[in-house]
Amino acid sequence: MSLIRTLRRATAVTLPAALAAVTLTAPPAAAKSDFTVRPFMGWSSWSVQASTHPDYGKNWLNERNVRNAADAMAAKLKSAGYTYVNMDAGWNATLDWRFHSDANGIPSPDPTRFPSGLRSTVDHIHDRGLKAGLYAVAGLEKTVYDQNLPIAGAPGCTTRSIAHLPLTPTNMWGGNWKIDYSRPCAQKFIDSIADKFASWGIDFVKVDGTDADNVADIAAWSRAIDRTGRMMWLTASAWPVPGRSATTCVRTPTASVSTPTSSATAGR
């Protein structure tokens, strides 16, 4: 989705003869945006998870609180165009911040936080006419690499087979291993995660911690979302990624890519 900008032509202004018939050129008017094209508008759980208030913090994220937030947004903000309810970091982590994945290395919801399962919470959000967002991180989780798990839908592929060698820390925190996308199994791994997100009815994916080393990760997510056939807004939380890097993403009917440092998008 690109913003259409128009620029008024500079016009010549002739002053009266009393002012010595001086001719000036008016400066170009400020560029105008097409405001019929809106950015995503909504709320992220990190707004309260990052708080030091005793009622908030990292353990705030759970199905009861997310459902209450969705109810409040539907009642108070939906009419103004706010539609996204985004579950940020921790949806797949225990209360002491240990992360879950399934037998194929795909992130899975923490049963303490989401005892009814993630799909139930997403359905609650959708029932109120809103859209559900979910959080991911660039790179391969180190525990998933260590477990050498089979990649779903990719016979012969394992999570160790997709790591860049020598093992290289990646993302803003260096918390995951860099993925080698020259290996066919690598794209299949991201495809498997996007497929799971689509099966839960996710409408928005935030890939966090991205820097210039993670442009290939965002391109892989763009392709993966397109292959699901489900429209999802893909955003890279960049630290920063140069805006020109967004042009490396695949432009598709289903994946829309944005970064905080660029208005460039892929698809819509």
Protein backbone atom coordinates (compact mmCIF):
# COMPACT_ATOMS: atom_id res chain seq x y z
CA MET A 1 0.00 0.00 0.00
CA SER A 2 1.77 3.19 -1.06
CA LEU A 3 0.81 6.69 -0.05
CA ILE A 4 -0.15 8.78 -3.05
CA ARG A 5 1.36 12.18 -2.81
CA THR A 6 0.53 15.18 -4.93
CA LEU A 7 2.56 18.32 -5.16
CA ARG A 8 1.06 21.62 -6.16
CA ARG A 9 2.82 23.37 -8.96
CA ALA A 10 4.76 26.44 -7.99
CA THR A 11 2.92 29.49 -9.27
CA ALA A 12 4.29 32.89 -10.15
CA VAL A 13 2.93 35.80 -8.14
CA THR A 14 3.32 39.33 -9.58
CA LEU A 15 3.24 42.11 -7.02
CA PRO A 16 1.77 45.53 -7.81
CA ALA A 17 3.88 48.11 -9.63
CA ALA A 18 4.05 50.10 -6.41
CA LEU A 19 6.26 47.32 -5.10
CA ALA A 20 8.67 47.70 -8.01
CA ALA A 21 6.99 44.97 -10.05
CA VAL A 22 9.02 42.31 -8.26
CA THR A 23 8.03 38.81 -9.32
CA LEU A 24 8.28 36.02 -6.77
CA THR A 25 7.74 32.29 -7.08
CA ALA A 26 5.59 30.74 -4.36
CA PRO A 27 7.26 27.82 -2.54
CA PRO A 28 5.83 24.37 -3.26
CA ALA A 29 2.93 23.49 -1.01
CA ALA A 30 3.40 20.67 1.46
CA ALA A 31 2.80 17.24 -0.05
CA LYS A 32 -0.73 15.96 0.51
CA SER A 33 -1.45 12.38 1.47
CA ASP A 34 -4.35 10.25 0.41
CA PHE A 35 -6.04 9.77 3.78
CA THR A 36 -8.48 7.23 2.38
CA VAL A 37 -5.54 4.82 2.81
CA ARG A 38 -5.19 4.24 6.54
CA PRO A 39 -2.34 2.67 8.47
CA PHE A 40 -3.24 -0.12 10.84
CA MET A 41 -4.98 1.32 13.89
CA GLY A 42 -5.34 -0.52 17.15
CA TRP A 43 -3.77 -1.45 20.46
CA SER A 44 -0.81 -3.58 21.53
CA SER A 45 -0.60 -5.46 24.81
CA TRP A 46 2.98 -4.20 25.15
CA SER A 47 1.49 -0.84 26.07
CA VAL A 48 0.68 -2.31 29.49
CA GLN A 49 3.24 -5.13 29.59
CA ALA A 50 6.05 -2.58 29.48
CA SER A 51 4.54 -0.66 32.39
CA THR A 52 6.01 -0.74 35.91
CA HIS A 53 2.54 -0.26 37.42
CA PRO A 54 1.86 -3.09 39.90
CA ASP A 55 -1.30 -4.14 38.04
CA TYR A 56 0.51 -4.43 34.70
CA GLY A 57 3.89 -5.77 33.59
CA LYS A 58 4.94 -8.85 31.62
CA ASN A 59 2.51 -11.19 33.39
CA TRP A 60 -0.49 -9.09 32.38
CA LEU A 61 -0.86 -10.85 29.04
CA ASN A 62 -3.54 -13.55 29.31
CA GLU A 63 -6.82 -14.42 27.68
CA ARG A 64 -9.01 -12.68 30.29
CA ASN A 65 -7.19 -9.36 29.95
CA VAL A 66 -7.01 -9.54 26.15
CA ARG A 67 -10.73 -10.26 25.94
CA ASN A 68 -11.49 -7.34 28.25
CA ALA A 69 -9.29 -5.09 26.11
CA ALA A 70 -11.15 -6.24 22.98
CA ASP A 71 -14.49 -5.50 24.64
CA ALA A 72 -13.34 -2.01 25.58
CA MET A 73 -11.99 -1.31 22.08
CA ALA A 74 -15.19 -2.49 20.45
CA ALA A 75 -17.28 -0.28 22.73
CA LYS A 76 -15.13 2.85 22.72
CA LEU A 77 -12.75 2.95 19.76
CA LYS A 78 -13.98 0.78 16.91
CA SER A 79 -16.23 3.54 15.60
CA ALA A 80 -13.12 5.74 15.20
CA GLY A 81 -11.37 3.08 13.09
CA TYR A 82 -9.35 1.23 15.72
CA THR A 83 -9.64 -2.45 14.89
CA TYR A 84 -6.43 -4.35 15.76
CA VAL A 85 -5.94 -6.10 19.11
CA ASN A 86 -2.32 -7.22 19.10
CA MET A 87 -0.90 -9.77 21.54
CA ASP A 88 2.75 -8.91 21.97
CA ALA A 89 5.74 -10.71 23.50
CA GLY A 90 4.98 -13.43 26.00
CA TRP A 91 1.88 -15.06 24.54
CA ASN A 92 4.00 -18.21 24.09
CA ALA A 93 6.00 -17.82 27.32
CA THR A 94 5.57 -19.01 30.89
CA LEU A 95 5.23 -16.45 33.65
CA ASP A 96 8.97 -16.78 34.26
CA TRP A 97 9.55 -16.05 30.56
CA ARG A 98 10.42 -19.51 29.19
CA PHE A 99 9.14 -19.89 25.65
CA HIS A 100 6.93 -22.67 24.30
CA SER A 101 7.10 -24.38 20.94
CA ASP A 102 5.36 -27.46 19.60
CA ALA A 103 6.89 -30.68 18.25
CA ASN A 104 7.78 -28.83 15.01
CA GLY A 105 9.37 -25.79 16.61
CA ILE A 106 6.34 -23.57 15.99
CA PRO A 107 5.59 -21.11 18.81
CA SER A 108 2.64 -22.32 20.90
CA PRO A 109 0.50 -20.44 23.43
CA ASP A 110 1.27 -20.77 27.11
CA PRO A 111 -1.56 -22.82 28.71
CA THR A 112 -1.46 -20.74 31.90
CA ARG A 113 -1.96 -17.52 29.99
CA PHE A 114 -4.42 -18.99 27.45
CA PRO A 115 -6.14 -21.96 29.11
CA SER A 116 -8.86 -22.00 26.44
CA GLY A 117 -6.31 -21.95 23.63
CA LEU A 118 -5.35 -19.05 21.43
CA ARG A 119 -8.06 -19.66 18.83
CA SER A 120 -10.73 -19.07 21.45
CA THR A 121 -9.34 -15.62 22.25
CA VAL A 122 -8.99 -14.78 18.54
CA ASP A 123 -12.63 -15.80 18.01
CA HIS A 124 -13.64 -13.49 20.85
CA ILE A 125 -11.80 -10.62 19.13
CA HIS A 126 -13.38 -11.41 15.76
CA ASP A 127 -16.86 -11.69 17.26
CA ARG A 128 -16.57 -8.02 18.20
CA GLY A 129 -15.71 -7.00 14.65
CA LEU A 130 -12.01 -6.56 15.42
CA LYS A 131 -8.78 -8.10 14.13
CA ALA A 132 -6.21 -10.13 16.04
CA GLY A 133 -2.46 -9.63 15.96
CA LEU A 134 0.39 -11.83 17.15
CA TYR A 135 4.07 -11.35 17.93
CA ALA A 136 7.11 -13.11 16.47
CA VAL A 137 10.87 -12.56 16.61
CA ALA A 138 13.41 -12.61 13.79
CA GLY A 139 15.66 -15.66 13.64
CA LEU A 140 15.58 -19.22 14.97
CA GLU A 141 15.09 -19.78 18.68
CA LYS A 142 18.18 -21.38 20.12
CA THR A 143 16.22 -24.03 22.02
CA VAL A 144 14.40 -24.98 18.80
CA TYR A 145 17.77 -25.37 17.09
CA ASP A 146 19.08 -27.52 19.97
CA GLN A 147 16.07 -29.85 19.77
CA ASN A 148 16.58 -30.45 16.02
CA LEU A 149 12.84 -30.76 15.43
CA PRO A 150 11.22 -31.89 12.17
CA ILE A 151 9.75 -29.00 10.17
CA ALA A 152 6.03 -29.38 9.51
CA GLY A 153 5.11 -30.14 5.91
CA ALA A 154 8.75 -30.54 4.89
CA PRO A 155 9.91 -34.17 4.96
CA GLY A 156 13.63 -34.43 5.63
CA CYS A 157 13.90 -30.87 6.99
CA THR A 158 14.88 -30.18 10.59
CA THR A 159 15.39 -27.02 12.57
CA ARG A 160 19.14 -27.52 12.74
CA SER A 161 19.35 -27.75 8.96
CA ILE A 162 18.28 -24.11 8.49
CA ALA A 163 20.79 -22.33 10.71
CA HIS A 164 23.52 -20.19 9.22
CA LEU A 165 26.94 -21.73 9.82
CA PRO A 166 28.96 -20.94 11.74
CA LEU A 167 26.16 -20.26 14.20
CA THR A 168 25.59 -16.51 14.25
CA PRO A 169 23.46 -14.58 16.75
CA THR A 170 20.83 -12.41 15.13
CA ASN A 171 18.14 -9.80 15.85
CA MET A 172 18.53 -6.72 17.97
CA TRP A 173 19.22 -8.74 21.12
CA GLY A 174 21.27 -11.54 19.57
CA GLY A 175 18.83 -13.96 21.20
CA ASN A 176 18.21 -16.22 18.19
CA TRP A 177 20.38 -17.91 15.59
CA LYS A 178 20.55 -16.44 12.11
CA ILE A 179 18.65 -18.42 9.47
CA ASP A 180 20.30 -19.33 6.16
CA TYR A 181 17.60 -18.71 3.55
CA SER A 182 19.70 -20.21 0.78
CA ARG A 183 18.62 -23.55 2.25
CA PRO A 184 15.18 -24.66 0.95
CA CYS A 185 14.12 -25.90 4.37
CA ALA A 186 14.46 -22.38 5.82
CA GLN A 187 11.50 -20.93 3.92
CA LYS A 188 9.47 -24.02 4.75
CA PHE A 189 10.02 -23.39 8.45
CA ILE A 190 8.66 -19.83 8.22
CA ASP A 191 5.82 -21.17 6.05
CA SER A 192 4.91 -23.62 8.83
CA ILE A 193 4.67 -20.82 11.40
CA ALA A 194 2.58 -18.62 9.09
CA ASP A 195 0.29 -21.58 8.40
CA LYS A 196 -0.27 -22.04 12.13
CA PHE A 197 -0.97 -18.34 12.61
CA ALA A 198 -3.45 -18.46 9.73
CA SER A 199 -5.18 -21.49 11.27
CA TRP A 200 -5.72 -19.44 14.43
CA GLY A 201 -7.27 -16.62 12.38
CA ILE A 202 -4.47 -14.11 12.89
CA ASP A 203 -4.76 -10.84 10.93
CA PHE A 204 -1.53 -9.06 11.91
CA VAL A 205 2.03 -10.26 12.53
CA LYS A 206 4.71 -8.21 14.24
CA VAL A 207 8.26 -9.49 13.73
CA ASP A 208 10.33 -7.83 16.42
CA GLY A 209 14.00 -7.08 16.90
CA THR A 210 14.74 -6.72 13.20
CA ASP A 211 17.81 -4.87 12.06
CA ALA A 212 19.63 -4.68 8.72
CA ASP A 213 20.69 -8.32 9.19
CA ASN A 214 17.06 -9.47 9.16
CA VAL A 215 15.79 -8.20 5.82
CA ALA A 216 15.77 -11.80 4.54
CA ASP A 217 13.59 -12.80 7.49
CA ILE A 218 10.97 -10.21 6.58
CA ALA A 219 11.04 -11.27 2.93
CA ALA A 220 10.53 -14.89 4.04
CA TRP A 221 7.59 -13.90 6.22
CA SER A 222 6.08 -11.97 3.31
CA ARG A 223 6.27 -15.05 1.08
CA ALA A 224 4.97 -17.31 3.82
CA ILE A 225 1.92 -15.16 4.52
CA ASP A 226 1.11 -15.01 0.83
CA ARG A 227 1.19 -18.79 0.64
CA THR A 228 -1.36 -19.11 3.45
CA GLY A 229 -3.94 -17.29 1.34
CA ARG A 230 -4.98 -15.26 4.39
CA MET A 231 -4.63 -11.48 4.49
CA MET A 232 -2.28 -10.52 7.30
CA TRP A 233 -0.58 -7.21 7.92
CA LEU A 234 3.13 -7.88 8.45
CA THR A 235 5.12 -5.28 10.32
CA ALA A 236 8.83 -5.25 11.09
CA SER A 237 9.71 -3.62 14.37
CA ALA A 238 12.95 -2.14 13.09
CA TRP A 239 16.04 -1.01 15.00
CA PRO A 240 16.37 0.34 12.29
CA VAL A 241 16.01 -1.28 8.88
CA PRO A 242 16.70 1.19 6.05
CA GLY A 243 13.47 2.03 4.25
CA ARG A 244 14.95 0.98 0.91
CA SER A 245 15.26 -2.58 2.27
CA ALA A 246 11.49 -2.96 2.12
CA THR A 247 11.79 -3.20 -1.66
CA THR A 248 13.35 -6.65 -1.23
CA CYS A 249 10.06 -8.01 0.10
CA VAL A 250 7.74 -9.88 -2.20
CA ARG A 251 4.78 -7.81 -3.33
CA THR A 252 1.78 -10.07 -2.92
CA PRO A 253 -2.02 -9.89 -2.63
CA THR A 254 -2.00 -11.02 1.01
CA ALA A 255 1.05 -9.65 2.81
CA SER A 256 1.40 -5.98 3.70
CA VAL A 257 4.80 -5.00 5.08
CA SER A 258 5.69 -1.85 6.97
CA THR A 259 8.55 -0.72 9.18
CA PRO A 260 8.72 2.16 11.66
CA THR A 261 11.39 3.74 9.46
CA SER A 262 9.56 3.43 6.15
CA SER A 263 6.13 3.81 4.64
CA ALA A 264 6.98 1.18 2.04
CA THR A 265 4.61 -1.75 1.98
CA ALA A 266 4.34 -5.02 0.14
CA GLY A 267 1.00 -5.92 -1.29
CA ARG A 268 -2.57 -5.21 -0.19
